[in-house]
Amino acid sequence: MSTLEIRNLQVSVKLPEGQLKPILAGVDLTVNSGETHAIMGPNGSGKSTLAYSIAGHPKYEITGGSVTLDGEDVLSMTVDERARAGLFLAMQYPVEVPGVSVANFLRTAKTAVDGEAPKLRTWAGELRGAMERLQMDPSFAQRNVNEGFSGGEKKRHEIVQLELLKPKVAILDETDSGLDIDALRVVSEGVNRVAAEGQTGLLLITHYTRILRYIKPHFVHVFVGGRIVEEGGPELAEKLEAEGYERYVAAAAGATGA
């Protein structure tokens, strides 16, 4: 059992002129192995800031609070140390890595996370199997990471990484964005396979409920104005589908005097 604990997390973004703009205003959240949490909220509410702050993006400055994984201080770790500790981030906009093949990238990542190289006699089969389950042509293993990939192919590749690296906690930042209905189903099935193993805590960040028709969260958190303003079970997502975020946005604006 692993636990990611976020306590009173406050984060500002570094602006080009050197100023800091507050984004997160005190986030409290606990994610345990085997749990699926959905964070839902409108554009600009700070959902992606939360994801990238946990992952260690240098654009964001922690101004208060704590993040721990199994009691270890995540915020004191470098980005690579966070990955080795068991954190995984599926990015909303996966980047291209020219000159590095998918096969080499995944084997290098697996070696770094596990502390030893996977056995060659079994690794090729594991990689091929993961790609087949995500309906990716095996030839993609020899292509450069995300180079020339469609949006759907990039997202499938993210879930291939998730399946092979087996992190303690995975943060999926708007994995559903840019996917057609078929790709959404395939990607969701991959996430569900990882969830079914019960070893990974999942934090799913999304605007919309459509991915939650395929991935059933245990907990839903409404994120507005840089903080969680309501929590509940799957029924809360249905309420958001019917009513939207307007009530929460208005309440947050009234609380700040906007």
C-alpha atoms as a PDB file:
ATOM      1  CA  MET A   1       0.000   0.000   0.000  1.00  0.00           C
ATOM      2  CA  SER A   2       1.363   3.390  -1.028  1.00  0.00           C
ATOM      3  CA  THR A   3      -0.015   6.811  -0.146  1.00  0.00           C
ATOM      4  CA  LEU A   4       0.405  10.214  -1.756  1.00  0.00           C
ATOM      5  CA  GLU A   5      -0.489  12.941   0.739  1.00  0.00           C
ATOM      6  CA  ILE A   6      -0.953  16.559  -0.310  1.00  0.00           C
ATOM      7  CA  ARG A   7      -1.436  19.013   2.543  1.00  0.00           C
ATOM      8  CA  ASN A   8      -2.288  22.713   2.182  1.00  0.00           C
ATOM      9  CA  LEU A   9      -0.335  22.899  -1.086  1.00  0.00           C
ATOM     10  CA  GLN A  10       0.139  26.460  -2.311  1.00  0.00           C
ATOM     11  CA  VAL A  11       1.779  27.103  -5.661  1.00  0.00           C
ATOM     12  CA  SER A  12       2.586  30.142  -7.805  1.00  0.00           C
ATOM     13  CA  VAL A  13       3.557  30.258 -11.460  1.00  0.00           C
ATOM     14  CA  LYS A  14       6.686  32.130 -12.493  1.00  0.00           C
ATOM     15  CA  LEU A  15       5.810  34.839 -15.016  1.00  0.00           C
ATOM     16  CA  PRO A  16       8.284  35.914 -17.734  1.00  0.00           C
ATOM     17  CA  GLU A  17       8.901  39.250 -15.988  1.00  0.00           C
ATOM     18  CA  GLY A  18       9.965  37.384 -12.850  1.00  0.00           C
ATOM     19  CA  GLN A  19       6.814  37.903 -10.807  1.00  0.00           C
ATOM     20  CA  LEU A  20       4.881  35.114  -9.110  1.00  0.00           C
ATOM     21  CA  LYS A  21       1.180  34.581  -9.767  1.00  0.00           C
ATOM     22  CA  PRO A  22      -0.617  32.484  -7.114  1.00  0.00           C
ATOM     23  CA  ILE A  23      -2.489  29.512  -8.604  1.00  0.00           C
ATOM     24  CA  LEU A  24      -3.048  26.867  -5.925  1.00  0.00           C
ATOM     25  CA  ALA A  25      -4.569  28.193  -2.736  1.00  0.00           C
ATOM     26  CA  GLY A  26      -4.278  25.293  -0.299  1.00  0.00           C
ATOM     27  CA  VAL A  27      -4.950  21.824  -1.741  1.00  0.00           C
ATOM     28  CA  ASP A  28      -5.563  18.815   0.524  1.00  0.00           C
ATOM     29  CA  LEU A  29      -5.778  15.377  -1.076  1.00  0.00           C
ATOM     30  CA  THR A  30      -4.836  11.781  -0.230  1.00  0.00           C
ATOM     31  CA  VAL A  31      -4.461   9.083  -2.905  1.00  0.00           C
ATOM     32  CA  ASN A  32      -3.903   5.455  -1.895  1.00  0.00           C
ATOM     33  CA  SER A  33      -2.943   2.411  -3.940  1.00  0.00           C
ATOM     34  CA  GLY A  34      -5.946   0.955  -5.718  1.00  0.00           C
ATOM     35  CA  GLU A  35      -7.932   4.186  -5.612  1.00  0.00           C
ATOM     36  CA  THR A  36      -9.043   6.205  -8.622  1.00  0.00           C
ATOM     37  CA  HIS A  37      -9.623   9.908  -8.001  1.00  0.00           C
ATOM     38  CA  ALA A  38     -11.084  12.263 -10.603  1.00  0.00           C
ATOM     39  CA  ILE A  39     -10.326  15.975 -10.367  1.00  0.00           C
ATOM     40  CA  MET A  40     -12.821  17.994 -12.377  1.00  0.00           C
ATOM     41  CA  GLY A  41     -13.078  21.716 -12.935  1.00  0.00           C
ATOM     42  CA  PRO A  42     -13.268  24.494 -15.520  1.00  0.00           C
ATOM     43  CA  ASN A  43     -10.364  25.830 -17.553  1.00  0.00           C
ATOM     44  CA  GLY A  44      -7.919  27.883 -15.528  1.00  0.00           C
ATOM     45  CA  SER A  45      -8.868  26.396 -12.171  1.00  0.00           C
ATOM     46  CA  GLY A  46      -5.366  25.040 -11.469  1.00  0.00           C
ATOM     47  CA  LYS A  47      -5.818  21.337 -12.207  1.00  0.00           C
ATOM     48  CA  SER A  48      -2.763  21.042 -14.472  1.00  0.00           C
ATOM     49  CA  THR A  49      -0.760  23.227 -12.078  1.00  0.00           C
ATOM     50  CA  LEU A  50      -1.395  20.601  -9.421  1.00  0.00           C
ATOM     51  CA  ALA A  51      -0.154  17.846 -11.736  1.00  0.00           C
ATOM     52  CA  TYR A  52       3.012  19.627 -12.804  1.00  0.00           C
ATOM     53  CA  SER A  53       3.812  20.831  -9.289  1.00  0.00           C
ATOM     54  CA  ILE A  54       3.758  17.259  -7.997  1.00  0.00           C
ATOM     55  CA  ALA A  55       5.951  16.183 -10.922  1.00  0.00           C
ATOM     56  CA  GLY A  56       8.471  18.984 -10.284  1.00  0.00           C
ATOM     57  CA  HIS A  57       8.059  21.340 -13.255  1.00  0.00           C
ATOM     58  CA  PRO A  58      10.459  24.298 -12.735  1.00  0.00           C
ATOM     59  CA  LYS A  59       7.858  26.802 -13.933  1.00  0.00           C
ATOM     60  CA  TYR A  60       5.975  26.408 -10.663  1.00  0.00           C
ATOM     61  CA  GLU A  61       7.146  27.538  -7.239  1.00  0.00           C
ATOM     62  CA  ILE A  62       5.880  25.905  -4.074  1.00  0.00           C
ATOM     63  CA  THR A  63       5.015  28.645  -1.588  1.00  0.00           C
ATOM     64  CA  GLY A  64       3.457  26.515   1.140  1.00  0.00           C
ATOM     65  CA  GLY A  65       2.290  23.072   2.173  1.00  0.00           C
ATOM     66  CA  SER A  66       3.706  19.594   1.628  1.00  0.00           C
ATOM     67  CA  VAL A  67       3.589  16.586  -0.677  1.00  0.00           C
ATOM     68  CA  THR A  68       4.733  13.189   0.598  1.00  0.00           C
ATOM     69  CA  LEU A  69       4.823   9.712  -0.940  1.00  0.00           C
ATOM     70  CA  ASP A  70       4.942   6.969   1.662  1.00  0.00           C
ATOM     71  CA  GLY A  71       6.175   9.551   4.146  1.00  0.00           C
ATOM     72  CA  GLU A  72       9.031  10.798   1.938  1.00  0.00           C
ATOM     73  CA  ASP A  73       9.193  14.504   1.065  1.00  0.00           C
ATOM     74  CA  VAL A  74       8.416  14.686  -2.646  1.00  0.00           C
ATOM     75  CA  LEU A  75       9.064  18.427  -2.896  1.00  0.00           C
ATOM     76  CA  SER A  76      12.720  17.977  -1.876  1.00  0.00           C
ATOM     77  CA  MET A  77      13.304  15.465  -4.696  1.00  0.00           C
ATOM     78  CA  THR A  78      14.576  16.193  -8.185  1.00  0.00           C
ATOM     79  CA  VAL A  79      12.288  15.258 -11.082  1.00  0.00           C
ATOM     80  CA  ASP A  80      14.114  11.979 -11.758  1.00  0.00           C
ATOM     81  CA  GLU A  81      14.061  11.102  -8.049  1.00  0.00           C
ATOM     82  CA  ARG A  82      10.285  11.580  -8.037  1.00  0.00           C
ATOM     83  CA  ALA A  83       9.961   9.158 -10.939  1.00  0.00           C
ATOM     84  CA  ARG A  84      12.165   6.577  -9.230  1.00  0.00           C
ATOM     85  CA  ALA A  85      10.153   7.013  -6.025  1.00  0.00           C
ATOM     86  CA  GLY A  86       7.064   5.874  -7.942  1.00  0.00           C
ATOM     87  CA  LEU A  87       5.383   8.980  -9.376  1.00  0.00           C
ATOM     88  CA  PHE A  88       4.211   9.040 -12.986  1.00  0.00           C
ATOM     89  CA  LEU A  89       2.762  11.870 -15.059  1.00  0.00           C
ATOM     90  CA  ALA A  90       0.861  11.310 -18.306  1.00  0.00           C
ATOM     91  CA  MET A  91       1.054  14.708 -19.954  1.00  0.00           C
ATOM     92  CA  GLN A  92      -1.776  16.556 -21.641  1.00  0.00           C
ATOM     93  CA  TYR A  93       0.589  17.442 -24.493  1.00  0.00           C
ATOM     94  CA  PRO A  94       3.278  14.721 -24.744  1.00  0.00           C
ATOM     95  CA  VAL A  95       6.504  16.080 -26.203  1.00  0.00           C
ATOM     96  CA  GLU A  96       8.491  14.736 -29.136  1.00  0.00           C
ATOM     97  CA  VAL A  97      11.977  13.373 -28.443  1.00  0.00           C
ATOM     98  CA  PRO A  98      13.911  13.297 -31.743  1.00  0.00           C
ATOM     99  CA  GLY A  99      16.697  10.735 -31.995  1.00  0.00           C
ATOM    100  CA  VAL A 100      15.383   8.445 -29.233  1.00  0.00           C
ATOM    101  CA  SER A 101      13.361   5.399 -30.233  1.00  0.00           C
ATOM    102  CA  VAL A 102      10.299   4.336 -28.276  1.00  0.00           C
ATOM    103  CA  ALA A 103      11.940   0.976 -27.502  1.00  0.00           C
ATOM    104  CA  ASN A 104      15.123   2.579 -26.131  1.00  0.00           C
ATOM    105  CA  PHE A 105      13.190   5.212 -24.216  1.00  0.00           C
ATOM    106  CA  LEU A 106      10.949   2.668 -22.494  1.00  0.00           C
ATOM    107  CA  ARG A 107      13.777   0.274 -21.616  1.00  0.00           C
ATOM    108  CA  THR A 108      15.902   3.134 -20.249  1.00  0.00           C
ATOM    109  CA  ALA A 109      12.965   4.415 -18.204  1.00  0.00           C
ATOM    110  CA  LYS A 110      12.214   0.932 -16.856  1.00  0.00           C
ATOM    111  CA  THR A 111      15.862   0.480 -15.894  1.00  0.00           C
ATOM    112  CA  ALA A 112      15.974   3.831 -14.099  1.00  0.00           C
ATOM    113  CA  VAL A 113      12.745   3.198 -12.184  1.00  0.00           C
ATOM    114  CA  ASP A 114      13.510  -0.393 -11.188  1.00  0.00           C
ATOM    115  CA  GLY A 115      17.221   0.096 -10.544  1.00  0.00           C
ATOM    116  CA  GLU A 116      18.105  -2.749 -12.901  1.00  0.00           C
ATOM    117  CA  ALA A 117      17.631  -3.460 -16.577  1.00  0.00           C
ATOM    118  CA  PRO A 118      14.696  -5.673 -17.571  1.00  0.00           C
ATOM    119  CA  LYS A 119      15.675  -9.099 -18.850  1.00  0.00           C
ATOM    120  CA  LEU A 120      16.027  -8.994 -22.616  1.00  0.00           C
ATOM    121  CA  ARG A 121      14.372 -12.373 -23.129  1.00  0.00           C
ATOM    122  CA  THR A 122      11.133 -11.167 -21.538  1.00  0.00           C
ATOM    123  CA  TRP A 123      11.235  -7.413 -22.160  1.00  0.00           C
ATOM    124  CA  ALA A 124      10.587  -7.598 -25.896  1.00  0.00           C
ATOM    125  CA  GLY A 125       7.433  -9.620 -25.253  1.00  0.00           C
ATOM    126  CA  GLU A 126       6.256  -7.263 -22.518  1.00  0.00           C
ATOM    127  CA  LEU A 127       6.731  -4.241 -24.767  1.00  0.00           C
ATOM    128  CA  ARG A 128       5.016  -5.886 -27.724  1.00  0.00           C
ATOM    129  CA  GLY A 129       2.127  -7.024 -25.533  1.00  0.00           C
ATOM    130  CA  ALA A 130       1.596  -3.561 -24.040  1.00  0.00           C
ATOM    131  CA  MET A 131       1.588  -1.963 -27.486  1.00  0.00           C
ATOM    132  CA  GLU A 132      -0.835  -4.542 -28.853  1.00  0.00           C
ATOM    133  CA  ARG A 133      -3.216  -3.981 -25.934  1.00  0.00           C
ATOM    134  CA  LEU A 134      -3.191  -0.259 -26.741  1.00  0.00           C
ATOM    135  CA  GLN A 135      -3.658  -1.112 -30.436  1.00  0.00           C
ATOM    136  CA  MET A 136      -0.346   0.460 -31.441  1.00  0.00           C
ATOM    137  CA  ASP A 137       1.475  -0.983 -34.435  1.00  0.00           C
ATOM    138  CA  PRO A 138       4.654  -2.760 -33.175  1.00  0.00           C
ATOM    139  CA  SER A 139       6.663  -0.754 -35.745  1.00  0.00           C
ATOM    140  CA  PHE A 140       6.151   2.303 -33.517  1.00  0.00           C
ATOM    141  CA  ALA A 141       8.744   0.819 -31.142  1.00  0.00           C
ATOM    142  CA  GLN A 142      11.451   1.767 -33.656  1.00  0.00           C
ATOM    143  CA  ARG A 143      10.160   5.292 -34.274  1.00  0.00           C
ATOM    144  CA  ASN A 144      11.358   8.331 -32.369  1.00  0.00           C
ATOM    145  CA  VAL A 145       9.334   9.126 -29.256  1.00  0.00           C
ATOM    146  CA  ASN A 146       6.088  10.856 -30.301  1.00  0.00           C
ATOM    147  CA  GLU A 147       7.682  12.188 -33.493  1.00  0.00           C
ATOM    148  CA  GLY A 148       4.994  12.306 -36.161  1.00  0.00           C
ATOM    149  CA  PHE A 149       2.512  10.606 -33.833  1.00  0.00           C
ATOM    150  CA  SER A 150      -1.118  11.686 -33.955  1.00  0.00           C
ATOM    151  CA  GLY A 151      -2.721  12.997 -30.780  1.00  0.00           C
ATOM    152  CA  GLY A 152      -4.316   9.616 -30.168  1.00  0.00           C
ATOM    153  CA  GLU A 153      -1.053   7.748 -30.751  1.00  0.00           C
ATOM    154  CA  LYS A 154       0.744   9.985 -28.256  1.00  0.00           C
ATOM    155  CA  LYS A 155      -1.896   9.283 -25.616  1.00  0.00           C
ATOM    156  CA  ARG A 156      -1.765   5.532 -26.276  1.00  0.00           C
ATOM    157  CA  HIS A 157       2.007   5.682 -25.867  1.00  0.00           C
ATOM    158  CA  GLU A 158       1.547   7.398 -22.492  1.00  0.00           C
ATOM    159  CA  ILE A 159      -0.578   4.470 -21.306  1.00  0.00           C
ATOM    160  CA  VAL A 160       1.953   1.966 -22.660  1.00  0.00           C
ATOM    161  CA  GLN A 161       4.456   3.689 -20.362  1.00  0.00           C
ATOM    162  CA  LEU A 162       1.992   3.476 -17.481  1.00  0.00           C
ATOM    163  CA  GLU A 163       1.457  -0.257 -17.976  1.00  0.00           C
ATOM    164  CA  LEU A 164       5.181  -1.041 -18.230  1.00  0.00           C
ATOM    165  CA  LEU A 165       6.546   1.235 -15.487  1.00  0.00           C
ATOM    166  CA  LYS A 166       3.916   0.266 -12.881  1.00  0.00           C
ATOM    167  CA  PRO A 167       4.185   3.417 -10.719  1.00  0.00           C
ATOM    168  CA  LYS A 168       2.875   3.779  -7.183  1.00  0.00           C
ATOM    169  CA  VAL A 169       0.851   6.867  -8.131  1.00  0.00           C
ATOM    170  CA  ALA A 170      -0.067   7.981 -11.651  1.00  0.00           C
ATOM    171  CA  ILE A 171      -1.333  11.456 -12.515  1.00  0.00           C
ATOM    172  CA  LEU A 172      -3.193  11.544 -15.827  1.00  0.00           C
ATOM    173  CA  ASP A 173      -3.488  15.140 -16.997  1.00  0.00           C
ATOM    174  CA  GLU A 174      -6.435  15.408 -19.391  1.00  0.00           C
ATOM    175  CA  THR A 175      -5.600  12.120 -21.045  1.00  0.00           C
ATOM    176  CA  ASP A 176      -8.969  12.291 -22.803  1.00  0.00           C
ATOM    177  CA  SER A 177      -8.268  15.561 -24.643  1.00  0.00           C
ATOM    178  CA  GLY A 178      -7.943  15.186 -28.403  1.00  0.00           C
ATOM    179  CA  LEU A 179      -9.145  11.573 -28.490  1.00  0.00           C
ATOM    180  CA  ASP A 180     -11.866  10.272 -30.757  1.00  0.00           C
ATOM    181  CA  ILE A 181     -14.344   7.787 -29.309  1.00  0.00           C
ATOM    182  CA  ASP A 182     -12.371   4.698 -30.365  1.00  0.00           C
ATOM    183  CA  ALA A 183      -9.060   5.981 -28.972  1.00  0.00           C
ATOM    184  CA  LEU A 184     -10.822   7.060 -25.782  1.00  0.00           C
ATOM    185  CA  ARG A 185     -12.147   3.545 -25.276  1.00  0.00           C
ATOM    186  CA  VAL A 186      -8.752   1.915 -25.900  1.00  0.00           C
ATOM    187  CA  VAL A 187      -6.904   4.335 -23.611  1.00  0.00           C
ATOM    188  CA  SER A 188      -9.544   3.929 -20.896  1.00  0.00           C
ATOM    189  CA  GLU A 189      -9.250   0.149 -21.081  1.00  0.00           C
ATOM    190  CA  GLY A 190      -5.500   0.511 -20.517  1.00  0.00           C
ATOM    191  CA  VAL A 191      -6.049   2.683 -17.458  1.00  0.00           C
ATOM    192  CA  ASN A 192      -8.602   0.190 -16.142  1.00  0.00           C
ATOM    193  CA  ARG A 193      -6.114  -2.677 -16.505  1.00  0.00           C
ATOM    194  CA  VAL A 194      -3.639  -0.796 -14.332  1.00  0.00           C
ATOM    195  CA  ALA A 195      -6.370   0.089 -11.826  1.00  0.00           C
ATOM    196  CA  ALA A 196      -7.517  -3.552 -11.625  1.00  0.00           C
ATOM    197  CA  GLU A 197      -4.075  -4.648 -10.437  1.00  0.00           C
ATOM    198  CA  GLY A 198      -4.657  -2.588  -7.282  1.00  0.00           C
ATOM    199  CA  GLN A 199      -1.048  -1.466  -6.953  1.00  0.00           C
ATOM    200  CA  THR A 200      -1.352   2.047  -8.393  1.00  0.00           C
ATOM    201  CA  GLY A 201      -3.228   5.077  -7.132  1.00  0.00           C
ATOM    202  CA  LEU A 202      -4.700   7.067 -10.030  1.00  0.00           C
ATOM    203  CA  LEU A 203      -5.341  10.809 -10.138  1.00  0.00           C
ATOM    204  CA  LEU A 204      -7.357  11.563 -13.257  1.00  0.00           C
ATOM    205  CA  ILE A 205      -7.626  15.234 -14.246  1.00  0.00           C
ATOM    206  CA  THR A 206     -10.373  16.126 -16.709  1.00  0.00           C
ATOM    207  CA  HIS A 207     -12.878  18.784 -17.761  1.00  0.00           C
ATOM    208  CA  TYR A 208     -15.506  16.385 -18.989  1.00  0.00           C
ATOM    209  CA  THR A 209     -17.391  13.351 -17.758  1.00  0.00           C
ATOM    210  CA  ARG A 210     -17.071  11.355 -20.981  1.00  0.00           C
ATOM    211  CA  ILE A 211     -13.927   9.505 -19.859  1.00  0.00           C
ATOM    212  CA  LEU A 212     -15.690   8.669 -16.577  1.00  0.00           C
ATOM    213  CA  ARG A 213     -18.159   6.580 -18.567  1.00  0.00           C
ATOM    214  CA  TYR A 214     -15.241   4.187 -19.108  1.00  0.00           C
ATOM    215  CA  ILE A 215     -13.119   4.776 -16.000  1.00  0.00           C
ATOM    216  CA  LYS A 216     -15.187   4.651 -12.811  1.00  0.00           C
ATOM    217  CA  PRO A 217     -13.610   6.774 -10.054  1.00  0.00           C
ATOM    218  CA  HIS A 218     -13.952   6.004  -6.377  1.00  0.00           C
ATOM    219  CA  PHE A 219     -13.784   9.709  -5.562  1.00  0.00           C
ATOM    220  CA  VAL A 220     -14.605  12.895  -7.472  1.00  0.00           C
ATOM    221  CA  HIS A 221     -13.178  16.282  -6.470  1.00  0.00           C
ATOM    222  CA  VAL A 222     -14.433  19.605  -7.837  1.00  0.00           C
ATOM    223  CA  PHE A 223     -11.514  21.979  -8.402  1.00  0.00           C
ATOM    224  CA  VAL A 224     -12.212  25.715  -8.657  1.00  0.00           C
ATOM    225  CA  GLY A 225     -10.053  28.742  -7.851  1.00  0.00           C
ATOM    226  CA  GLY A 226      -6.973  26.715  -7.013  1.00  0.00           C
ATOM    227  CA  ARG A 227      -8.569  24.459  -4.417  1.00  0.00           C
ATOM    228  CA  ILE A 228     -10.949  21.552  -3.952  1.00  0.00           C
ATOM    229  CA  VAL A 229     -14.404  22.969  -3.224  1.00  0.00           C
ATOM    230  CA  GLU A 230     -16.493  19.778  -3.099  1.00  0.00           C
ATOM    231  CA  GLU A 231     -15.872  16.049  -2.872  1.00  0.00           C
ATOM    232  CA  GLY A 232     -18.005  12.981  -3.394  1.00  0.00           C
ATOM    233  CA  GLY A 233     -18.383   9.682  -5.198  1.00  0.00           C
ATOM    234  CA  PRO A 234     -19.179   8.918  -8.850  1.00  0.00           C
ATOM    235  CA  GLU A 235     -22.580  10.534  -8.431  1.00  0.00           C
ATOM    236  CA  LEU A 236     -20.889  13.922  -8.141  1.00  0.00           C
ATOM    237  CA  ALA A 237     -19.624  13.564 -11.730  1.00  0.00           C
ATOM    238  CA  GLU A 238     -23.189  12.971 -12.871  1.00  0.00           C
ATOM    239  CA  LYS A 239     -24.255  16.116 -11.042  1.00  0.00           C
ATOM    240  CA  LEU A 240     -21.530  18.105 -12.799  1.00  0.00           C
ATOM    241  CA  GLU A 241     -22.634  16.695 -16.155  1.00  0.00           C
ATOM    242  CA  ALA A 242     -26.138  17.965 -15.505  1.00  0.00           C
ATOM    243  CA  GLU A 243     -25.371  21.302 -13.831  1.00  0.00           C
ATOM    244  CA  GLY A 244     -21.862  22.318 -14.909  1.00  0.00           C
ATOM    245  CA  TYR A 245     -19.421  24.372 -12.835  1.00  0.00           C
ATOM    246  CA  GLU A 246     -21.226  27.711 -12.811  1.00  0.00           C
ATOM    247  CA  ARG A 247     -22.455  27.409  -9.224  1.00  0.00           C
ATOM    248  CA  TYR A 248     -18.953  26.676  -7.930  1.00  0.00           C
ATOM    249  CA  VAL A 249     -17.341  29.443  -9.993  1.00  0.00           C
ATOM    250  CA  ALA A 250     -19.876  31.976  -8.739  1.00  0.00           C
ATOM    251  CA  ALA A 251     -19.331  30.905  -5.128  1.00  0.00           C
ATOM    252  CA  ALA A 252     -15.550  31.165  -5.506  1.00  0.00           C
ATOM    253  CA  ALA A 253     -15.863  34.636  -7.067  1.00  0.00           C
ATOM    254  CA  GLY A 254     -18.105  35.751  -4.234  1.00  0.00           C
ATOM    255  CA  ALA A 255     -15.681  34.434  -1.629  1.00  0.00           C
ATOM    256  CA  THR A 256     -12.820  36.464  -3.121  1.00  0.00           C
ATOM    257  CA  GLY A 257     -14.947  39.566  -3.655  1.00  0.00           C
ATOM    258  CA  ALA A 258     -14.579  39.335  -7.446  1.00  0.00           C
END
